[in-house]
Amino acid sequence: MEKTHETFVYEELGFPVELIDCSMKKLLEEWVLDINMVALQRFVFKGLIHKPYPLTGKEIRFILHIKF
């Protein structure tokens, strides 16, 4: 069973990331993201390194702990 969310706030990276038109699938009676997490982390990382204002502590921790 699958569905799509118009917007979904994903907070498992340590800070909120708003995902638009993301696919979800039902797994063990719970809806979870149907997304390539490595691709998501790379996309967020690239966005953070071009961010026009200072990074937060949570964003810095994400960058320091990311493993591609």
N, C-alpha and C. Protein backbone atom coordinates (compact mmCIF):
# COMPACT_ATOMS: atom_id res chain seq x y z
N MET A 1 0.85 -1.17 0.00
CA MET A 1 0.00 0.00 0.00
C MET A 1 0.90 1.25 0.00
N GLU A 2 0.63 2.19 -0.89
CA GLU A 2 1.44 3.40 -1.00
C GLU A 2 0.56 4.64 -1.06
N LYS A 3 1.14 5.77 -0.66
CA LYS A 3 0.47 7.06 -0.78
C LYS A 3 1.53 8.15 -0.88
N THR A 4 1.10 9.35 -1.19
CA THR A 4 2.01 10.49 -1.31
C THR A 4 1.55 11.60 -0.39
N HIS A 5 2.51 12.18 0.33
CA HIS A 5 2.24 13.35 1.17
C HIS A 5 2.60 14.60 0.40
N GLU A 6 1.75 15.61 0.48
CA GLU A 6 2.09 16.88 -0.17
C GLU A 6 3.31 17.49 0.51
N THR A 7 3.28 17.57 1.82
CA THR A 7 4.45 18.02 2.59
C THR A 7 4.59 17.12 3.81
N PHE A 8 5.83 16.85 4.16
CA PHE A 8 6.14 15.99 5.30
C PHE A 8 7.38 16.55 5.96
N VAL A 9 7.35 16.75 7.27
CA VAL A 9 8.51 17.27 7.99
C VAL A 9 9.26 16.08 8.57
N TYR A 10 10.48 15.85 8.05
CA TYR A 10 11.33 14.74 8.47
C TYR A 10 12.34 15.30 9.47
N GLU A 11 12.37 14.75 10.68
CA GLU A 11 13.22 15.30 11.73
C GLU A 11 14.32 14.35 12.19
N GLU A 12 14.52 13.25 11.49
CA GLU A 12 15.49 12.24 11.92
C GLU A 12 16.94 12.59 11.60
N LEU A 13 17.18 13.70 10.93
CA LEU A 13 18.55 14.13 10.64
C LEU A 13 19.09 15.02 11.76
N GLY A 14 18.27 15.31 12.74
CA GLY A 14 18.69 16.16 13.85
C GLY A 14 18.07 17.54 13.79
N PHE A 15 17.47 17.87 12.68
CA PHE A 15 16.78 19.15 12.49
C PHE A 15 15.69 18.92 11.46
N PRO A 16 14.66 19.75 11.45
CA PRO A 16 13.54 19.50 10.53
C PRO A 16 13.89 19.79 9.07
N VAL A 17 13.48 18.88 8.21
CA VAL A 17 13.63 19.03 6.76
C VAL A 17 12.24 18.82 6.16
N GLU A 18 11.76 19.80 5.42
CA GLU A 18 10.44 19.69 4.81
C GLU A 18 10.56 19.03 3.45
N LEU A 19 9.91 17.89 3.30
CA LEU A 19 9.89 17.14 2.04
C LEU A 19 8.58 17.41 1.34
N ILE A 20 8.63 17.60 0.04
CA ILE A 20 7.44 17.92 -0.74
C ILE A 20 7.16 16.78 -1.70
N ASP A 21 5.90 16.35 -1.78
CA ASP A 21 5.46 15.25 -2.64
C ASP A 21 6.29 13.99 -2.43
N CYS A 22 6.41 13.57 -1.17
CA CYS A 22 7.21 12.38 -0.86
C CYS A 22 6.33 11.14 -0.81
N SER A 23 6.89 10.05 -1.27
CA SER A 23 6.18 8.76 -1.27
C SER A 23 6.27 8.12 0.11
N MET A 24 5.18 7.49 0.50
CA MET A 24 5.11 6.78 1.77
C MET A 24 4.62 5.36 1.47
N LYS A 25 5.07 4.41 2.30
CA LYS A 25 4.54 3.05 2.18
C LYS A 25 4.23 2.53 3.57
N LYS A 26 3.29 1.60 3.62
CA LYS A 26 2.87 1.05 4.90
C LYS A 26 3.75 -0.17 5.21
N LEU A 27 4.38 -0.14 6.36
CA LEU A 27 5.27 -1.21 6.79
C LEU A 27 4.94 -1.55 8.23
N LEU A 28 4.46 -2.77 8.44
CA LEU A 28 4.06 -3.21 9.78
C LEU A 28 3.07 -2.25 10.43
N GLU A 29 2.04 -1.90 9.68
CA GLU A 29 0.95 -1.04 10.16
C GLU A 29 1.38 0.40 10.45
N GLU A 30 2.55 0.82 9.95
CA GLU A 30 3.01 2.20 10.15
C GLU A 30 3.45 2.77 8.82
N TRP A 31 3.11 4.03 8.55
CA TRP A 31 3.52 4.69 7.32
C TRP A 31 4.95 5.20 7.48
N VAL A 32 5.81 4.86 6.53
CA VAL A 32 7.22 5.26 6.54
C VAL A 32 7.57 5.86 5.18
N LEU A 33 8.63 6.66 5.16
CA LEU A 33 9.09 7.25 3.90
C LEU A 33 9.61 6.17 2.97
N ASP A 34 9.27 6.28 1.72
CA ASP A 34 9.80 5.39 0.69
C ASP A 34 10.80 6.22 -0.11
N ILE A 35 12.00 6.38 0.46
CA ILE A 35 12.99 7.30 -0.10
C ILE A 35 14.38 6.72 0.09
N ASN A 36 15.28 7.06 -0.80
CA ASN A 36 16.68 6.67 -0.69
C ASN A 36 17.34 7.61 0.32
N MET A 37 17.66 7.10 1.51
CA MET A 37 18.18 7.94 2.58
C MET A 37 19.55 8.52 2.26
N VAL A 38 20.40 7.78 1.55
CA VAL A 38 21.71 8.31 1.18
C VAL A 38 21.53 9.51 0.25
N ALA A 39 20.61 9.40 -0.69
CA ALA A 39 20.34 10.51 -1.61
C ALA A 39 19.78 11.71 -0.85
N LEU A 40 18.91 11.46 0.12
CA LEU A 40 18.36 12.55 0.94
C LEU A 40 19.47 13.24 1.72
N GLN A 41 20.35 12.47 2.35
CA GLN A 41 21.45 13.06 3.12
C GLN A 41 22.37 13.88 2.22
N ARG A 42 22.67 13.39 1.04
CA ARG A 42 23.52 14.15 0.09
C ARG A 42 22.85 15.46 -0.30
N PHE A 43 21.55 15.39 -0.60
CA PHE A 43 20.81 16.58 -1.00
C PHE A 43 20.80 17.62 0.11
N VAL A 44 20.55 17.18 1.35
CA VAL A 44 20.53 18.09 2.49
C VAL A 44 21.93 18.67 2.72
N PHE A 45 22.96 17.83 2.63
CA PHE A 45 24.34 18.29 2.80
C PHE A 45 24.68 19.39 1.80
N LYS A 46 24.35 19.15 0.54
CA LYS A 46 24.63 20.15 -0.50
C LYS A 46 23.86 21.44 -0.24
N GLY A 47 22.65 21.33 0.26
CA GLY A 47 21.88 22.53 0.60
C GLY A 47 22.52 23.29 1.76
N LEU A 48 23.03 22.57 2.74
CA LEU A 48 23.63 23.23 3.90
C LEU A 48 24.93 23.95 3.55
N ILE A 49 25.74 23.37 2.68
CA ILE A 49 27.02 24.01 2.37
C ILE A 49 26.83 25.29 1.55
N HIS A 50 25.67 25.46 0.95
CA HIS A 50 25.37 26.68 0.19
C HIS A 50 24.39 27.60 0.92
N LYS A 51 24.12 27.31 2.17
CA LYS A 51 23.18 28.09 2.97
C LYS A 51 23.71 29.52 3.13
N PRO A 52 22.88 30.52 2.88
CA PRO A 52 23.36 31.91 2.91
C PRO A 52 23.51 32.52 4.31
N TYR A 53 23.15 31.78 5.34
CA TYR A 53 23.29 32.31 6.70
C TYR A 53 23.94 31.24 7.58
N PRO A 54 24.41 31.59 8.78
CA PRO A 54 25.18 30.66 9.61
C PRO A 54 24.44 29.36 9.92
N LEU A 55 25.22 28.28 10.00
CA LEU A 55 24.67 26.97 10.34
C LEU A 55 24.36 26.91 11.83
N THR A 56 23.36 26.11 12.17
CA THR A 56 23.03 25.88 13.58
C THR A 56 23.93 24.75 14.09
N GLY A 57 23.96 24.57 15.40
CA GLY A 57 24.74 23.49 15.99
C GLY A 57 24.29 22.12 15.50
N LYS A 58 22.98 21.94 15.34
CA LYS A 58 22.45 20.66 14.87
C LYS A 58 22.86 20.40 13.42
N GLU A 59 22.90 21.43 12.61
CA GLU A 59 23.32 21.27 11.21
C GLU A 59 24.81 20.93 11.13
N ILE A 60 25.62 21.54 11.98
CA ILE A 60 27.05 21.24 12.02
C ILE A 60 27.27 19.80 12.46
N ARG A 61 26.54 19.34 13.48
CA ARG A 61 26.65 17.95 13.92
C ARG A 61 26.28 16.98 12.80
N PHE A 62 25.25 17.31 12.04
CA PHE A 62 24.86 16.49 10.90
C PHE A 62 26.01 16.37 9.91
N ILE A 63 26.63 17.50 9.57
CA ILE A 63 27.73 17.50 8.61
C ILE A 63 28.91 16.68 9.13
N LEU A 64 29.21 16.81 10.41
CA LEU A 64 30.35 16.08 10.98
C LEU A 64 30.11 14.58 11.06
N HIS A 65 28.86 14.15 11.18
CA HIS A 65 28.57 12.72 11.36
C HIS A 65 28.05 12.02 10.11
N ILE A 66 27.89 12.75 9.01
CA ILE A 66 27.34 12.12 7.80
C ILE A 66 28.34 11.14 7.23
N LYS A 67 27.83 10.02 6.75
CA LYS A 67 28.65 8.99 6.12
C LYS A 67 28.01 8.65 4.79
N PHE A 68 28.75 8.92 3.73
CA PHE A 68 28.23 8.64 2.39
C PHE A 68 28.68 7.27 1.96
